[in-house]
Protein backbone atom coordinates (compact mmCIF):
# COMPACT_ATOMS: atom_id res chain seq x y z
CA MET A 1 -9.42 74.06 4.12
CA GLN A 2 -9.21 72.56 7.60
CA THR A 3 -12.16 70.30 6.80
CA ASN A 4 -10.46 68.94 3.66
CA GLU A 5 -7.26 68.37 5.60
CA THR A 6 -9.12 66.48 8.32
CA LYS A 7 -10.98 64.37 5.76
CA GLY A 8 -7.70 63.72 3.98
CA MET A 9 -6.03 62.53 7.18
CA LEU A 10 -8.95 60.24 7.95
CA LEU A 11 -9.08 58.73 4.45
CA GLY A 12 -5.31 58.37 4.40
CA PHE A 13 -5.40 56.57 7.75
CA ILE A 14 -8.09 54.18 6.49
CA GLY A 15 -5.94 53.44 3.44
CA VAL A 16 -2.85 52.76 5.57
CA LEU A 17 -4.90 50.60 7.93
CA MET A 18 -6.06 48.53 4.97
CA PHE A 19 -2.50 48.16 3.67
CA SER A 20 -1.17 47.28 7.14
CA LEU A 21 -3.35 44.17 7.33
CA THR A 22 -1.96 42.79 4.06
CA LEU A 23 0.77 40.70 5.70
CA PRO A 24 -1.45 39.06 8.38
CA PHE A 25 -4.11 38.19 5.81
CA THR A 26 -1.48 36.98 3.35
CA ARG A 27 -0.05 34.68 6.03
CA ILE A 28 -3.50 33.23 6.69
CA ALA A 29 -4.13 32.72 2.97
CA VAL A 30 -0.80 31.04 2.11
CA ALA A 31 -1.17 28.64 5.04
CA GLU A 32 -3.70 26.76 2.86
CA LEU A 33 -3.26 28.16 -0.64
CA SER A 34 -0.25 28.23 -2.95
CA PRO A 35 1.71 31.50 -2.74
CA TYR A 36 1.61 31.60 -6.53
CA PHE A 37 -2.17 31.23 -6.59
CA VAL A 38 -2.48 34.00 -3.99
CA THR A 39 -0.14 36.27 -5.98
CA PHE A 40 -1.80 35.91 -9.37
CA GLY A 41 -5.28 35.52 -7.92
CA ARG A 42 -5.12 38.75 -5.92
CA SER A 43 -3.91 40.61 -9.01
CA SER A 44 -6.76 39.08 -11.01
CA LEU A 45 -9.36 40.24 -8.48
CA GLY A 46 -7.89 43.72 -8.48
CA GLY A 47 -7.75 43.73 -12.27
CA ILE A 48 -11.42 42.77 -12.59
CA CYS A 49 -12.35 45.65 -10.27
CA ALA A 50 -10.22 48.04 -12.33
CA LEU A 51 -11.78 46.80 -15.58
CA LEU A 52 -15.28 47.39 -14.19
CA LEU A 53 -14.26 50.92 -13.22
CA PHE A 54 -12.94 51.57 -16.73
CA LEU A 55 -16.23 50.44 -18.26
CA PHE A 56 -17.83 53.44 -16.53
CA THR A 57 -15.03 56.02 -16.70
CA LYS A 58 -13.72 55.16 -20.21
CA PRO A 59 -10.21 56.59 -19.73
CA LYS A 60 -7.79 57.44 -22.55
CA LEU A 61 -5.49 54.64 -23.63
CA PRO A 62 -1.90 54.96 -22.38
CA THR A 63 0.70 56.17 -24.87
CA LYS A 64 3.51 53.86 -25.96
CA SER A 65 5.88 55.50 -23.47
CA GLN A 66 3.32 55.19 -20.67
CA PHE A 67 2.66 51.56 -21.59
CA ILE A 68 6.36 50.74 -21.18
CA ARG A 69 6.51 52.47 -17.79
CA LEU A 70 3.27 50.78 -16.70
CA SER A 71 4.87 47.46 -17.59
CA VAL A 72 7.86 48.26 -15.38
CA MET A 73 5.53 49.30 -12.59
CA ALA A 74 3.51 46.10 -12.97
CA LEU A 75 6.64 43.94 -12.70
CA GLY A 76 7.31 45.49 -9.31
CA VAL A 77 3.85 46.07 -7.82
CA VAL A 78 1.63 43.47 -9.51
CA TYR A 79 4.14 40.60 -9.61
CA GLY A 80 7.35 41.12 -7.63
CA PHE A 81 6.11 42.51 -4.34
CA PRO A 82 3.03 40.24 -3.92
CA LEU A 83 4.95 37.10 -4.97
CA PHE A 84 7.99 37.54 -2.73
CA VAL A 85 5.84 38.61 0.22
CA SER A 86 3.57 35.59 -0.24
CA LEU A 87 6.57 33.24 -0.35
CA ALA A 88 8.08 34.85 2.76
CA MET A 89 4.81 34.70 4.69
CA LYS A 90 4.70 30.92 4.37
CA THR A 91 7.04 30.73 7.37
CA LEU A 92 7.86 34.22 8.68
CA PRO A 93 5.64 35.92 11.28
CA SER A 94 3.74 38.82 9.73
CA ALA A 95 4.93 41.12 12.53
CA HIS A 96 8.52 40.42 11.45
CA GLY A 97 7.64 41.23 7.86
CA GLY A 98 5.82 44.41 8.85
CA ILE A 99 8.89 45.85 10.56
CA VAL A 100 11.28 44.92 7.73
CA LEU A 101 8.91 46.43 5.15
CA GLY A 102 8.67 49.56 7.28
CA VAL A 103 11.65 50.99 5.38
CA LEU A 104 9.76 50.77 2.08
CA PRO A 105 9.03 54.55 1.91
CA LEU A 106 12.75 55.24 2.35
CA ALA A 107 13.71 52.59 -0.22
CA THR A 108 11.23 54.07 -2.71
CA ALA A 109 12.83 57.50 -2.23
CA VAL A 110 16.25 55.99 -2.91
CA VAL A 111 15.10 54.29 -6.11
CA GLY A 112 13.33 57.47 -7.21
CA ALA A 113 16.50 59.49 -6.66
CA LEU A 114 18.57 57.05 -8.72
CA ARG A 115 15.97 56.54 -11.43
CA PHE A 116 15.12 60.20 -12.03
CA ASN A 117 18.58 61.71 -11.43
CA GLU A 118 17.62 63.56 -8.28
CA ARG A 119 20.37 64.97 -6.07
CA PRO A 120 19.50 64.29 -2.42
CA SER A 121 21.83 65.42 0.34
CA LEU A 122 24.65 63.31 1.76
CA ALA A 123 22.64 63.05 4.97
CA PHE A 124 19.85 61.34 3.02
CA TRP A 125 22.22 58.66 1.70
CA ILE A 126 23.63 58.12 5.19
CA THR A 127 20.07 57.69 6.44
CA ALA A 128 19.37 55.16 3.67
CA VAL A 129 22.40 53.10 4.73
CA MET A 130 21.27 53.33 8.36
CA GLY A 131 17.82 52.06 7.38
CA SER A 132 19.33 49.12 5.51
CA LEU A 133 21.59 48.18 8.43
CA LEU A 134 18.66 48.54 10.80
CA VAL A 135 16.41 46.02 9.07
CA ILE A 136 19.33 43.61 8.52
CA THR A 137 20.16 43.79 12.23
CA TYR A 138 16.54 43.25 13.21
CA ALA A 139 16.11 40.32 10.84
CA SER A 140 19.32 38.72 12.17
CA LEU A 141 18.41 39.20 15.84
CA ASN A 142 14.85 38.02 15.32
CA GLY A 143 15.99 34.92 13.44
CA SER A 144 18.51 32.25 14.27
CA GLY A 145 21.51 34.54 14.39
CA GLY A 146 21.56 35.33 10.68
CA LEU A 147 19.44 36.24 7.69
CA SER A 148 17.03 33.54 6.56
CA SER A 149 16.02 32.89 2.97
CA GLU A 150 12.65 34.43 3.83
CA ASP A 151 14.38 37.65 4.90
CA TRP A 152 16.05 37.81 1.51
CA LEU A 153 12.63 37.36 -0.10
CA LEU A 154 11.42 40.41 1.86
CA PHE A 155 14.43 42.42 0.69
CA VAL A 156 13.65 41.52 -2.93
CA ALA A 157 10.00 42.46 -2.26
CA ILE A 158 11.15 45.88 -1.01
CA ALA A 159 13.30 46.38 -4.12
CA SER A 160 10.42 45.32 -6.39
CA ALA A 161 7.89 47.61 -4.72
CA SER A 162 10.35 50.52 -4.67
CA ILE A 163 10.84 50.29 -8.42
CA GLY A 164 7.11 49.95 -9.03
CA TYR A 165 6.07 52.77 -6.71
CA SER A 166 8.70 55.21 -7.98
CA GLU A 167 7.68 54.53 -11.59
CA GLY A 168 4.01 54.83 -10.66
CA GLY A 169 4.67 58.08 -8.83
CA LYS A 170 6.22 59.58 -11.94
CA LEU A 171 3.33 58.35 -14.08
CA SER A 172 0.84 59.99 -11.71
CA GLU A 173 2.13 63.34 -13.01
CA GLU A 174 0.56 62.46 -16.36
CA MET A 175 -2.61 60.61 -15.30
CA SER A 176 -4.52 60.18 -12.05
CA SER A 177 -3.00 57.89 -9.44
CA VAL A 178 -6.07 55.64 -9.52
CA GLU A 179 -5.70 55.29 -13.31
CA VAL A 180 -2.04 54.33 -12.85
CA ILE A 181 -2.74 51.35 -10.57
CA SER A 182 -5.86 50.47 -12.60
CA TRP A 183 -3.98 50.34 -15.91
CA ALA A 184 -1.20 48.24 -14.37
CA LEU A 185 -3.82 45.72 -13.23
CA VAL A 186 -5.95 45.79 -16.39
CA LEU A 187 -3.01 45.40 -18.79
CA THR A 188 -1.77 42.33 -16.89
CA LEU A 189 -5.24 40.85 -16.27
CA PRO A 190 -5.21 38.23 -19.10
CA ILE A 191 -1.82 36.91 -17.92
CA ASN A 192 -2.94 36.89 -14.29
CA ILE A 193 -6.16 35.01 -14.99
CA PHE A 194 -4.24 32.38 -16.98
CA LEU A 195 -1.61 31.96 -14.25
CA THR A 196 -4.24 31.85 -11.50
CA TYR A 197 -5.94 28.96 -13.29
CA GLN A 198 -2.62 27.14 -13.62
CA TYR A 199 -2.10 27.22 -9.85
CA ILE A 200 -5.51 25.97 -8.78
CA ASP A 201 -4.31 22.86 -6.97
CA PHE A 202 -7.01 22.58 -4.31
CA GLU A 203 -10.66 21.73 -3.81
CA ILE A 204 -12.62 24.77 -2.66
CA SER A 205 -14.48 22.61 -0.15
CA THR A 206 -11.20 21.86 1.66
CA VAL A 207 -10.23 25.52 2.09
CA SER A 208 -11.26 27.19 5.34
CA THR A 209 -13.47 30.26 5.43
CA SER A 210 -10.66 32.30 7.01
CA ALA A 211 -8.30 31.48 4.12
CA ILE A 212 -10.95 32.45 1.54
CA ILE A 213 -11.72 35.73 3.33
CA SER A 214 -8.00 36.50 3.58
CA PHE A 215 -7.48 35.83 -0.13
CA VAL A 216 -10.41 38.07 -1.06
CA TYR A 217 -9.07 40.77 1.27
CA VAL A 218 -5.62 40.94 -0.33
CA GLY A 219 -7.21 40.85 -3.78
CA LEU A 220 -9.96 43.44 -3.38
CA ILE A 221 -8.70 45.61 -0.53
CA SER A 222 -4.89 45.48 -0.55
CA MET A 223 -4.55 45.30 -4.31
CA TYR A 224 -7.11 47.92 -5.25
CA ILE A 225 -9.67 49.50 -2.91
CA ALA A 226 -7.09 50.71 -0.36
CA PHE A 227 -5.47 52.83 -3.09
CA PHE A 228 -8.69 54.83 -3.47
CA PHE A 229 -8.67 55.86 0.20
CA TRP A 230 -4.93 56.56 0.15
CA TYR A 231 -4.86 58.66 -3.02
CA ARG A 232 -8.10 60.50 -2.17
CA GLY A 233 -6.68 61.31 1.24
CA ILE A 234 -3.53 62.73 -0.33
CA ALA A 235 -5.61 64.77 -2.80
CA LEU A 236 -7.63 66.34 0.03
CA GLY A 237 -4.98 66.77 2.71
CA GLY A 238 -1.75 67.05 0.74
CA VAL A 239 1.07 64.55 0.38
CA ALA A 240 3.29 66.22 2.99
CA ARG A 241 0.77 65.90 5.83
CA VAL A 242 -1.20 62.78 4.85
CA GLY A 243 1.99 60.98 3.86
CA GLN A 244 3.08 61.04 7.50
CA VAL A 245 0.22 58.65 8.33
CA GLN A 246 2.17 55.93 6.49
CA LEU A 247 4.64 55.94 9.38
CA LEU A 248 2.00 54.15 11.47
CA GLN A 249 1.92 51.11 9.15
CA PRO A 250 4.50 48.90 10.95
CA PHE A 251 2.70 49.45 14.26
CA LEU A 252 -0.70 48.73 12.73
CA THR A 253 0.72 45.53 11.24
CA LEU A 254 1.94 44.48 14.71
CA VAL A 255 -1.55 45.06 16.13
CA GLY A 256 -3.19 43.24 13.23
CA ALA A 257 -0.84 40.28 13.65
CA TYR A 258 -1.68 40.14 17.35
CA PHE A 259 -5.46 40.05 16.83
CA LEU A 260 -5.61 37.99 13.63
CA LEU A 261 -2.78 35.53 14.26
CA ASP A 262 -2.14 35.76 17.99
CA GLU A 263 1.46 36.79 17.31
CA GLU A 264 3.28 38.19 20.32
CA ILE A 265 4.13 41.89 20.44
CA THR A 266 7.66 41.83 21.85
CA VAL A 267 9.90 44.60 23.18
CA LEU A 268 12.28 43.85 20.29
CA ASN A 269 9.48 44.41 17.76
CA ILE A 270 8.35 47.68 19.33
CA GLY A 271 11.91 48.93 19.68
CA PHE A 272 12.89 48.29 16.09
CA ALA A 273 9.55 49.59 14.80
CA LEU A 274 10.31 52.89 16.57
CA CYS A 275 13.81 52.91 15.10
CA VAL A 276 12.45 52.30 11.61
CA LEU A 277 9.98 55.14 12.11
CA ALA A 278 12.78 57.49 13.20
CA VAL A 279 14.98 56.58 10.21
CA VAL A 280 12.12 57.05 7.71
CA VAL A 281 11.23 60.45 9.20
CA LEU A 282 14.89 61.49 9.08
CA GLY A 283 15.15 60.28 5.50
CA LYS A 284 12.17 62.37 4.43
CA ARG A 285 13.56 65.48 6.08
CA THR A 286 17.08 65.13 4.72
CA LYS A 287 15.83 64.40 1.18
CA ALA A 288 13.76 67.56 1.23
CA LYS A 289 16.74 69.76 2.11
């Protein structure tokens, strides 16, 4: 039992580490490539991987009801979140984005509560408001005295991902979590390949190696492979314990931004990252009561 829990924690950490580098690598990619190409291209890469997996596993086709919910999930996770993050990363530091997106677990819990008629405590809703005010305050202080258009893009990205993740979480009660993300990518693959082709507005010879590697990373790792580590970790160690590893993601993003982009780790960043962590932990505890 202890061995499975330890393995689960390790695999969960690897998954979170992979996810945490999404913003730095996205910022590198969109510096030379269109955000739209990066969005649809990363989903295409992930979809091709999922299709190859399905050729071996031959899963059951989704029901009509599941297809509708997979479509909703895809709108949030395959399109909304990657697109708005890519647009924001054109100008925002990835460290900034990592801290703002740190409230995503709390936002997903809020959407799940509203979508599935859950009845969290009043303390949970107070925590959700605190989390919202916290990221708005950080974004304002870290900007030019107010919210930038890029900050609003991040807020829309959070809303998109929250809807997608909550819908995917419910679907994972009916099929495996890996099948959920795989079906979302496979069902949208024809559209994504077409849109990727439409946004090829560059010569490959003019794109740097770092931009190509970054694009491949967000397509293969962030969009697909990281989910295997994350979901396998949860299966072995349990969602309650392994899920806590996700709290490290804003800090790992700060470290990744420092090494990959030479972004400064400021006292403001560390302070608000700790505050975000505290609010998310509080939100989890109050929701469970």
